Protein backbone atom coordinates (compact mmCIF):
# COMPACT_ATOMS: atom_id res chain seq x y z
CA MET A 1 97.76 126.82 82.10
CA HIS A 2 100.65 129.27 82.65
CA LEU A 3 100.35 132.76 81.10
CA LYS A 4 103.58 132.49 79.09
CA HIS A 5 102.28 129.30 77.51
CA ILE A 6 99.06 131.08 76.51
CA ASN A 7 101.03 133.93 74.89
CA ASN A 8 103.36 131.59 73.01
CA SER A 9 100.49 129.44 71.76
CA PHE A 10 98.50 132.52 70.68
CA LYS A 11 101.40 133.95 68.70
CA THR A 12 101.95 130.62 67.01
CA PHE A 13 98.25 130.37 66.16
CA ILE A 14 98.35 133.85 64.50
CA LEU A 15 101.27 132.78 62.30
CA PHE A 16 99.47 129.57 61.41
CA ALA A 17 96.28 131.46 60.54
CA GLN A 18 98.21 133.84 58.28
CA PHE A 19 99.69 130.91 56.47
CA ILE A 20 96.25 129.37 55.97
CA ALA A 21 95.07 132.61 54.41
CA ILE A 22 97.97 132.54 51.94
CA LEU A 23 97.56 128.87 51.19
CA LYS A 24 93.76 129.05 50.80
CA PRO A 25 93.58 128.48 47.00
CA THR A 26 95.82 125.44 47.12
CA TYR A 27 94.25 122.08 48.14
CA ILE A 28 93.10 123.61 51.38
CA ASN A 29 90.55 120.85 51.99
CA ARG A 30 93.18 118.69 53.64
CA PHE A 31 93.38 121.33 56.42
CA GLY A 32 89.64 121.67 56.88
CA VAL A 33 88.68 124.35 54.36
CA SER A 34 85.87 123.52 51.92
CA MET A 35 86.51 122.96 48.25
CA ARG A 36 83.86 125.65 47.56
CA THR A 37 86.43 128.33 48.49
CA ILE A 38 88.82 126.99 45.88
CA LYS A 39 86.18 126.99 43.17
CA ARG A 40 85.24 130.62 43.86
CA SER A 41 88.87 131.72 43.69
CA ARG A 42 89.95 133.30 40.40
CA LEU A 43 93.60 133.21 41.39
CA LYS A 44 96.00 131.18 39.36
CA ALA A 45 97.41 128.07 40.83
CA PRO A 46 100.73 128.88 42.45
CA SER A 47 103.98 127.70 41.00
CA VAL A 48 105.82 124.71 42.36
CA ASN A 49 108.47 126.93 43.99
CA THR A 50 105.83 129.09 45.64
CA THR A 51 104.07 126.01 46.98
CA LYS A 52 107.31 124.64 48.41
CA THR A 53 107.99 127.96 50.13
CA LYS A 54 104.53 128.01 51.68
CA LEU A 55 104.81 124.38 52.69
CA ALA A 56 108.13 125.00 54.41
CA PHE A 57 106.58 127.93 56.27
CA PHE A 58 103.71 125.68 57.35
CA LEU A 59 106.00 122.96 58.63
CA LEU A 60 107.99 125.51 60.61
CA SER A 61 104.80 126.93 62.13
CA ALA A 62 103.49 123.46 62.98
CA THR A 63 106.78 122.56 64.62
CA VAL A 64 106.66 125.69 66.78
CA LEU A 65 103.04 124.95 67.70
CA LEU A 66 103.76 121.37 68.69
CA THR A 67 106.83 122.40 70.66
CA ALA A 68 104.84 124.99 72.58
CA CYS A 69 102.13 122.43 73.36
CA GLY A 70 104.70 119.87 74.39
CA GLU A 71 106.33 122.32 76.80
CA GLN A 72 102.93 123.17 78.20
CA ILE A 73 102.03 119.49 78.90
CA LYS A 74 105.42 118.77 80.38
CA SER A 75 105.34 121.75 82.72
CA GLU A 76 101.81 121.02 83.91
CA SER A 77 102.34 117.31 84.71
CA THR A 78 102.59 116.59 88.44
CA PRO A 79 105.50 114.40 89.54
CA ALA A 80 104.39 111.12 91.16
CA SER A 81 104.45 111.26 94.93
CA PRO A 82 106.68 108.81 96.82
CA GLU A 83 103.53 106.97 97.96
CA ALA A 84 102.29 106.69 94.36
CA LYS A 85 105.67 105.39 93.23
CA SER A 86 105.73 102.84 96.04
CA ALA A 87 102.40 101.44 94.85
CA LYS A 88 104.02 100.37 91.62
CA ASN A 89 105.84 97.07 91.31
CA THR A 90 104.83 95.91 94.79
CA LEU A 91 103.52 92.47 95.67
CA ILE A 92 101.02 93.75 98.22
CA ASN A 93 97.69 95.08 97.02
CA THR A 94 96.10 96.61 100.11
CA ASP A 95 92.76 96.90 98.30
CA GLU A 96 92.41 93.13 98.74
CA PHE A 97 92.20 93.34 102.53
CA ASN A 98 88.84 92.97 104.25
CA ILE A 99 87.58 96.51 104.88
CA LYS A 100 85.35 95.17 107.68
CA ALA A 101 88.49 94.29 109.64
CA MET A 102 90.11 97.71 109.35
CA VAL A 103 90.22 100.49 111.92
CA LYS A 104 91.34 102.75 109.07
CA LEU A 105 92.47 102.33 105.48
CA PRO A 106 95.96 100.86 104.94
CA GLN A 107 98.76 103.38 104.48
CA THR A 108 102.24 103.42 103.02
CA VAL A 109 104.80 104.34 105.68
CA GLU A 110 108.56 104.51 105.99
CA CYS A 111 109.98 101.52 107.86
CA THR A 112 113.25 99.80 108.69
CA LEU A 113 113.86 96.11 108.04
CA GLU A 114 115.63 93.99 110.63
CA ASN A 115 118.78 94.08 108.48
CA GLY A 116 118.84 97.89 108.77
CA LEU A 117 117.51 98.62 105.28
CA GLN A 118 115.30 101.71 105.02
CA THR A 119 112.24 100.98 102.88
CA GLN A 120 108.46 101.35 102.72
CA CYS A 121 105.83 99.17 104.33
CA ALA A 122 102.09 98.75 104.13
CA GLN A 123 100.69 99.64 107.53
CA VAL A 124 97.42 97.93 108.39
CA VAL A 125 95.49 98.72 111.56
CA LEU A 126 93.05 95.95 112.48
CA LYS A 127 90.15 95.49 114.87
CA TYR A 128 90.12 92.77 117.53
CA GLN A 129 88.25 90.66 114.97
CA PRO A 130 86.56 91.43 111.61
CA ASP A 131 82.96 92.64 111.82
CA ASN A 132 81.87 90.15 109.16
CA ILE A 133 83.46 87.00 110.59
CA GLU A 134 81.91 84.85 113.31
CA VAL A 135 84.40 82.85 115.34
CA GLY A 136 84.13 79.62 117.33
CA PRO A 137 83.02 77.28 118.67
CA PHE A 138 86.14 76.43 120.63
CA CYS A 139 85.70 74.19 123.70
CA PRO A 140 82.80 71.71 123.94
CA GLU A 141 80.82 72.25 127.14
CA THR A 142 80.35 68.52 127.78
CA LEU A 143 81.51 65.21 126.37
CA ASP A 144 78.28 65.09 124.38
CA ASP A 145 79.10 68.34 122.55
CA VAL A 146 81.49 69.00 119.68
CA GLY A 147 83.87 71.95 119.73
CA GLY A 148 86.63 73.03 117.40
CA ILE A 149 89.86 71.23 116.50
CA TRP A 150 93.23 70.41 118.01
CA ASP A 151 96.54 69.17 116.59
CA TRP A 152 97.62 66.59 119.16
CA ASP A 153 101.38 65.96 119.37
CA GLY A 154 101.44 63.12 121.89
CA THR A 155 100.68 59.41 121.45
CA ASP A 156 98.39 58.85 118.46
CA ALA A 157 99.36 62.30 117.17
CA GLY A 158 97.14 63.95 114.60
CA LEU A 159 94.41 66.48 113.92
CA TYR A 160 91.19 65.87 115.87
CA ARG A 161 87.77 67.37 116.51
CA LEU A 162 87.26 68.34 120.13
CA ASP A 163 84.70 65.70 121.02
CA LYS A 164 84.13 62.78 123.34
CA ALA A 165 86.35 60.39 121.40
CA PHE A 166 89.34 62.74 121.51
CA LEU A 167 88.94 63.84 125.13
CA THR A 168 88.55 60.29 126.40
CA MET A 169 91.68 59.34 124.44
CA LEU A 170 93.58 62.11 126.24
CA ASN A 171 92.18 60.88 129.55
CA GLU A 172 93.69 57.47 128.88
CA GLN A 173 97.05 59.21 128.35
CA GLY A 174 96.83 61.04 131.67
CA PHE A 175 95.30 64.34 130.51
CA THR A 176 91.82 64.65 132.04
CA PHE A 177 89.84 67.62 130.75
CA TYR A 178 86.43 66.83 132.28
CA ASP A 179 84.83 65.92 135.57
CA GLU A 180 82.90 62.80 136.63
CA ASP A 181 79.71 64.20 135.12
CA GLY A 182 81.33 64.69 131.72
CA LYS A 183 81.50 68.49 132.04
CA VAL A 184 84.57 69.91 130.33
CA HIS A 185 86.89 72.14 132.37
CA ILE A 186 86.76 75.46 130.49
CA VAL A 187 88.59 78.58 131.60
CA ASP A 188 89.43 82.05 130.31
CA ASN A 189 93.01 81.93 131.50
CA ALA A 190 93.69 85.54 130.57
CA THR A 191 91.38 86.68 133.36
CA ILE A 192 91.09 83.66 135.68
CA ARG A 193 93.77 81.24 136.83
CA PRO A 194 92.87 77.59 136.19
CA THR A 195 92.34 75.54 139.33
CA VAL A 196 92.76 72.19 137.58
CA ASP A 197 95.73 70.55 135.92
CA HIS A 198 94.09 70.36 132.51
CA ALA A 199 91.57 72.84 131.14
CA CYS A 200 90.24 73.77 127.72
CA ILE A 201 91.10 77.43 127.09
CA ASN A 202 88.39 79.74 125.78
CA VAL A 203 89.62 83.35 126.06
CA SER A 204 87.17 86.26 126.03
CA VAL A 205 87.51 89.09 123.51
CA ASP A 206 88.51 92.68 124.19
CA LYS A 207 86.64 94.82 121.68
CA SER A 208 88.81 97.85 122.38
CA VAL A 209 91.98 96.26 120.99
CA GLU A 210 93.64 97.65 117.87
CA ILE A 211 96.42 95.81 116.04
CA THR A 212 99.08 97.54 113.93
CA ALA A 213 101.13 95.48 111.47
CA LEU A 214 103.88 96.39 108.98
CA LEU A 215 104.39 94.44 105.74
CA PRO A 216 107.35 95.31 103.46
CA LEU A 217 106.12 96.57 100.08
CA HIS A 218 109.36 95.55 98.39
CA PRO A 219 110.35 92.17 99.90
CA VAL A 220 114.02 91.43 100.43
CA MET A 221 115.38 87.90 100.62
CA SER A 222 117.23 87.13 103.82
CA GLU A 223 120.64 85.49 103.83
CA GLN A 224 119.19 82.85 106.13
CA SER A 225 115.56 81.80 106.53
CA THR A 226 113.83 82.54 109.83
CA ALA A 227 112.51 79.48 111.66
CA LEU A 228 108.97 79.59 113.00
CA GLY A 229 108.57 78.24 116.52
CA THR A 230 105.60 78.28 118.87
CA VAL A 231 103.32 81.29 118.39
CA SER A 232 105.69 82.86 115.84
CA LYS A 233 104.47 85.78 113.78
CA VAL A 234 103.74 84.55 110.25
CA GLY A 235 101.72 87.28 108.52
CA ILE A 236 98.35 88.94 107.95
CA ALA A 237 95.43 87.25 106.15
CA LEU A 238 93.38 89.13 103.55
CA ALA A 239 90.45 88.52 105.93
CA GLY A 240 92.13 91.03 108.23
CA VAL A 241 93.26 88.44 110.77
CA PRO A 242 96.85 87.96 112.07
CA ILE A 243 98.51 84.62 111.32
CA PHE A 244 100.69 82.75 113.82
CA SER A 245 102.47 79.41 113.81
CA ASP A 246 101.85 76.51 116.22
CA ALA A 247 99.76 77.16 119.31
CA PRO A 248 101.29 76.09 122.66
CA SER A 249 101.38 72.34 123.15
CA VAL A 250 99.21 70.69 125.78
CA GLN A 251 102.31 68.77 126.81
CA HIS A 252 104.10 72.04 127.55
CA THR A 253 101.40 73.88 129.46
CA GLY A 254 98.95 71.17 130.54
CA HIS A 255 96.10 73.12 128.96
CA LEU A 256 94.44 73.05 125.55
CA PRO A 257 93.98 76.40 123.72
CA ALA A 258 91.17 75.17 121.46
CA LEU A 259 90.98 76.30 117.83
CA ASP A 260 87.75 76.75 115.91
CA THR A 261 87.25 74.94 112.60
CA CYS A 262 88.88 77.84 110.72
CA ALA A 263 92.05 77.24 112.79
CA GLY A 264 91.69 80.38 114.89
CA HIS A 265 91.24 81.38 118.51
CA ILE A 266 91.49 84.35 120.86
CA ASP A 267 94.87 85.58 122.11
CA PRO A 268 95.26 86.33 125.85
CA GLY A 269 95.08 89.97 124.78
CA GLY A 270 91.53 89.47 123.52
CA TRP A 271 91.96 89.43 119.73
CA TYR A 272 91.33 86.70 117.17
CA HIS A 273 94.09 85.14 115.07
CA TYR A 274 94.73 82.13 112.83
CA HIS A 275 97.08 79.17 113.30
CA GLY A 276 96.62 77.81 109.78
CA THR A 277 95.93 78.76 106.16
CA SER A 278 92.24 79.13 106.87
CA SER A 279 91.11 79.73 103.27
CA ASP A 280 92.31 76.20 102.44
CA ILE A 281 91.76 74.39 105.74
CA ASP A 282 89.03 72.17 104.29
CA SER A 283 91.70 70.52 102.11
CA VAL A 284 93.44 69.50 105.32
CA TYR A 285 90.24 68.06 106.77
CA LYS A 286 89.73 66.02 103.62
CA HIS A 287 93.31 64.73 103.67
CA GLU A 288 93.28 63.96 107.41
CA HIS A 289 89.74 62.49 107.35
CA VAL A 290 88.46 64.98 109.92
CA ASN A 291 84.74 65.73 109.93
CA ALA A 292 84.93 69.53 109.93
CA ASN A 293 84.48 72.59 107.73
CA CYS A 294 85.44 76.24 107.94
CA ASN A 295 82.14 78.00 107.37
CA ASN A 296 83.08 81.65 107.91
CA LEU A 297 85.75 81.95 105.23
CA ALA A 298 85.49 81.04 101.53
CA GLN A 299 87.52 77.95 100.67
CA LYS A 300 89.71 78.02 97.55
CA PRO A 301 92.96 76.00 97.40
CA SER A 302 94.56 78.27 94.78
CA ALA A 303 93.54 81.58 96.35
CA LEU A 304 95.79 84.18 97.93
CA PHE A 305 95.42 83.76 101.70
CA GLY A 306 97.53 86.69 102.87
CA TYR A 307 101.06 88.03 103.15
CA GLY A 308 103.94 86.98 105.33
CA PHE A 309 105.58 89.52 107.60
CA ASP A 310 108.41 89.46 105.06
CA GLY A 311 106.02 90.75 102.37
CA TYR A 312 105.82 87.57 100.30
CA PRO A 313 102.37 86.16 99.36
CA ILE A 314 100.89 83.04 100.95
CA TYR A 315 98.70 80.87 98.70
CA GLY A 316 96.69 77.71 99.21
CA SER A 317 97.84 74.18 98.39
CA GLN A 318 97.22 74.40 94.64
CA GLU A 319 98.38 76.41 91.65
CA ILE A 320 95.85 78.45 89.68
CA ASP A 321 95.32 75.53 87.28
CA GLY A 322 94.47 73.13 90.12
CA THR A 323 97.78 71.28 90.12
CA SER A 324 100.00 70.80 93.14
CA PRO A 325 103.00 73.17 93.36
CA THR A 326 106.40 71.66 92.65
CA GLU A 327 109.99 72.33 93.70
CA LEU A 328 109.00 73.77 97.07
CA ASP A 329 111.85 74.68 99.40
CA SER A 330 112.17 74.06 103.13
CA CYS A 331 109.82 76.98 103.86
CA ASN A 332 107.18 75.52 101.51
CA GLY A 333 107.73 78.23 98.93
CA HIS A 334 109.10 78.65 95.42
CA THR A 335 109.56 81.23 92.67
CA GLY A 336 107.06 81.25 89.81
CA PRO A 337 103.78 82.79 88.60
CA ALA A 338 101.81 83.68 91.73
CA GLY A 339 98.10 82.84 91.60
CA GLU A 340 95.73 84.92 89.50
CA SER A 341 98.19 87.83 89.37
CA GLY A 342 100.60 85.80 87.25
CA ILE A 343 103.49 87.83 88.68
CA VAL A 344 106.67 85.78 88.78
CA THR A 345 107.90 86.08 92.34
CA TYR A 346 108.73 84.06 95.41
CA HIS A 347 105.63 82.95 97.30
CA TYR A 348 104.52 80.37 99.86
CA HIS A 349 102.01 77.53 99.51
CA ALA A 350 99.91 75.77 102.11
CA SER A 351 100.24 72.02 102.57
CA ASN A 352 97.40 69.53 103.01
CA THR A 353 98.54 68.62 106.51
CA PHE A 354 98.15 70.68 109.68
CA PRO A 355 99.43 73.23 110.41
CA ASN A 356 99.24 74.20 106.75
CA LEU A 357 101.50 77.24 107.00
CA PRO A 358 105.01 78.17 105.83
CA LYS A 359 107.61 76.35 107.88
CA CYS A 360 109.89 79.40 107.89
CA LEU A 361 110.15 82.89 106.39
CA LYS A 362 112.57 83.54 103.53
CA GLY A 363 112.45 87.33 103.57
CA VAL A 364 113.51 90.05 105.98
CA VAL A 365 110.76 91.37 108.25
CA ALA A 366 110.31 94.96 109.41
CA GLN A 367 111.34 96.12 112.85
CA ASN A 368 108.44 96.53 115.30
CA ASN A 369 106.15 94.85 112.78
CA PHE A 370 103.39 93.86 115.20
CA THR A 371 101.97 95.80 118.13
CA THR A 372 98.60 95.84 119.87
CA THR A 373 96.85 98.06 122.39
CA ALA A 374 95.97 94.91 124.35
CA GLN A 375 96.81 94.43 128.01
CA ALA A 376 98.52 91.08 127.41
CA GLY A 377 99.55 88.67 124.69
CA VAL A 378 101.77 89.01 121.64
CA GLY A 379 102.89 92.58 120.91
CA ALA A 380 100.99 94.06 123.85
CA LYS A 381 101.63 97.77 124.38
CA PRO A 382 98.61 99.11 126.27
CA PRO A 383 98.16 102.89 126.32
CA GLU A 384 99.59 104.64 129.35
CA GLY A 385 97.17 104.63 132.24
CA THR A 386 95.33 101.47 131.12
CA LYS A 387 93.87 99.51 134.02
CA ILE A 388 95.29 96.01 133.63
CA THR A 389 92.63 93.32 134.05
CA ARG A 390 94.25 90.63 131.90
CA HIS A 391 97.48 88.74 132.36
CA GLU A 392 99.77 86.36 130.54
CA PRO A 393 98.69 82.75 131.16
CA PRO A 394 101.23 80.50 132.90
CA GLY A 395 103.18 78.49 130.38
CA GLY A 396 102.58 80.98 127.63
CA GLY A 397 100.13 82.47 125.27
CA GLY A 398 102.69 84.52 123.45
CA PRO A 399 106.34 84.33 122.47
CA LYS A 400 109.13 85.01 124.89
CA ALA A 401 110.18 88.61 125.20
CA GLY A 402 112.96 89.60 122.85
CA GLY A 403 112.55 86.69 120.48
CA PRO A 404 111.00 87.25 117.08
CA ASN A 405 110.07 83.63 116.67
CA GLY A 406 108.47 82.73 119.92
CA GLY A 407 109.27 79.45 121.61
CA MET A 408 107.51 78.38 124.78
CA SER A 409 107.95 76.34 127.91
CA PRO A 410 106.40 76.31 131.39
CA PRO A 411 107.66 78.83 133.97
CA GLY A 412 110.83 77.77 135.73
CA PHE A 413 111.98 75.28 133.10
CA ALA A 414 114.71 77.56 131.75
CA GLU A 415 116.21 77.76 135.24
CA ALA A 416 115.81 74.00 135.71
CA ALA A 417 117.63 73.28 132.45
CA ASN A 418 120.46 75.56 133.53
CA LYS A 419 120.79 73.76 136.87
CA LEU A 420 120.87 70.39 135.12
CA GLY A 421 123.47 71.52 132.60
CA VAL A 422 121.29 70.90 129.54
CA SER A 423 119.45 73.12 127.09
CA GLU A 424 115.82 74.00 127.67
CA LYS A 425 114.94 72.25 124.42
CA VAL A 426 116.61 68.99 125.51
CA LEU A 427 114.81 69.11 128.86
CA MET A 428 111.42 69.68 127.22
CA GLN A 429 111.98 66.89 124.69
CA ALA A 430 112.88 64.47 127.47
CA MET A 431 109.76 65.45 129.41
CA GLN A 432 107.54 65.00 126.36
CA LYS A 433 108.93 61.58 125.51
CA ALA A 434 108.38 60.46 129.10
CA GLY A 435 104.72 61.52 129.24
CA GLY A 436 104.48 65.31 129.19
CA PRO A 437 103.06 66.89 132.37
CA ASN A 438 102.73 63.43 133.91
CA ALA A 439 106.20 62.34 132.83
CA ASP A 440 107.98 59.49 134.57
CA LEU A 441 110.83 61.45 136.15
CA THR A 442 112.98 58.34 136.43
CA VAL A 443 112.87 58.01 132.64
CA VAL A 444 113.58 61.73 132.21
CA ALA A 445 116.53 61.60 134.61
CA LYS A 446 118.03 58.66 132.73
CA ALA A 447 117.67 60.49 129.41
CA LEU A 448 119.42 63.54 130.86
CA ASN A 449 122.12 61.48 132.59
CA VAL A 450 121.24 62.84 136.04
CA THR A 451 119.78 61.24 139.15
CA PRO A 452 116.02 61.41 139.86
CA GLU A 453 116.86 63.40 143.01
CA GLN A 454 118.80 65.99 141.00
CA LEU A 455 115.94 66.28 138.52
CA LYS A 456 113.27 66.72 141.21
CA ALA A 457 115.36 69.37 142.96
CA ALA A 458 115.80 71.34 139.74
CA LEU A 459 112.24 71.22 138.43
CA PRO A 460 109.76 73.90 139.54
CA GLU A 461 106.81 72.84 141.65
CA LYS A 462 103.95 71.75 139.42
CA PRO A 463 101.46 74.62 139.43
CA LYS A 464 97.70 74.37 139.68
CA ARG A 465 97.01 76.53 136.63
């Protein structure tokens, strides 16, 4: 308490006490004085005018006292810090994140959105994988084993368990992932180059990796939604795991980056991430009739799964009352009460088909919103002097440099498309329709309106990855 406030309050108290002494014979019990004092008094009751005068004096004293107290409270209150203010009216509650996944507690930092707007973001720094989450299995060791899952986009497309039935189906389509003894070709293609055309990818972890992500605390709608391509950055799960869109297609790379039954796997940089809304993935298995369960993450279709890199929440496939969400836009989101919070805001919902993620992002993301200390992979920025023992796998494992949304094709295909006078996308689509890595080049050439000789001359030599 400031000294001047003490002096002012003391002076006011003295005046008030003097008034009490004068007023003592008159109904003093209402101010805390016993009726016994009144009974002992031999003074006459004061006149009406005298009482009014004393009452006026009391009201004046009380007003001065209250004013002094009010000034004291006002002067002693501490203005809210910018960080405290930013915590109000934000969609992101950092207390909900899995503490076992954190390198340090989330912080509020200044950031710049991709549209140039200066704002504040939640900064989360994550471990290579949460301490309390077990990952895998990914690739089955033999045809008699069962691994994770894969979303096949070729003939008989759909979501499958990685088992004998699925791998033999791929073999019939020209993609052989096992040898004559039924042993599956498995490779860590971040450290070892595959020596076969088709291998199941099972990347090793790098426990030293730290991941830094920025999520806008005050989301801003973009003028145009951002499409999500292959390995696009989607958001951060409450489990403390990054979320990405589609993994690279087998028909693009020749290899299969297996997912576990919670829709996650290890990036070439050595850190775990999701390719689906993992807290509601069992709904997908039920809908697609796939015999699988996510056992390391609680399943709740109406629960908050995480936040997009634009700051908007991502929920499961149901509303809080168990009904299916309605009036969803092209990104699989809408505006309305969001989950248990009840806050009316824009938010995304999972679908019951894989991948059960937003199809695009409606908000503006922060600049430099995802970096890692990894040697390779998405957002890799290893510390200076790091000895590089990992590398980017041929055909991808992360988005192309400079593109926020990813997009992936085998090495040399961009140059081939340019030589043929078509877009890379058109070339890849023609290759896929004609059989993927084992495409009939005559069919591809016809689709592109070029000769087979021109096509063969333009395409890169098929690598032994």
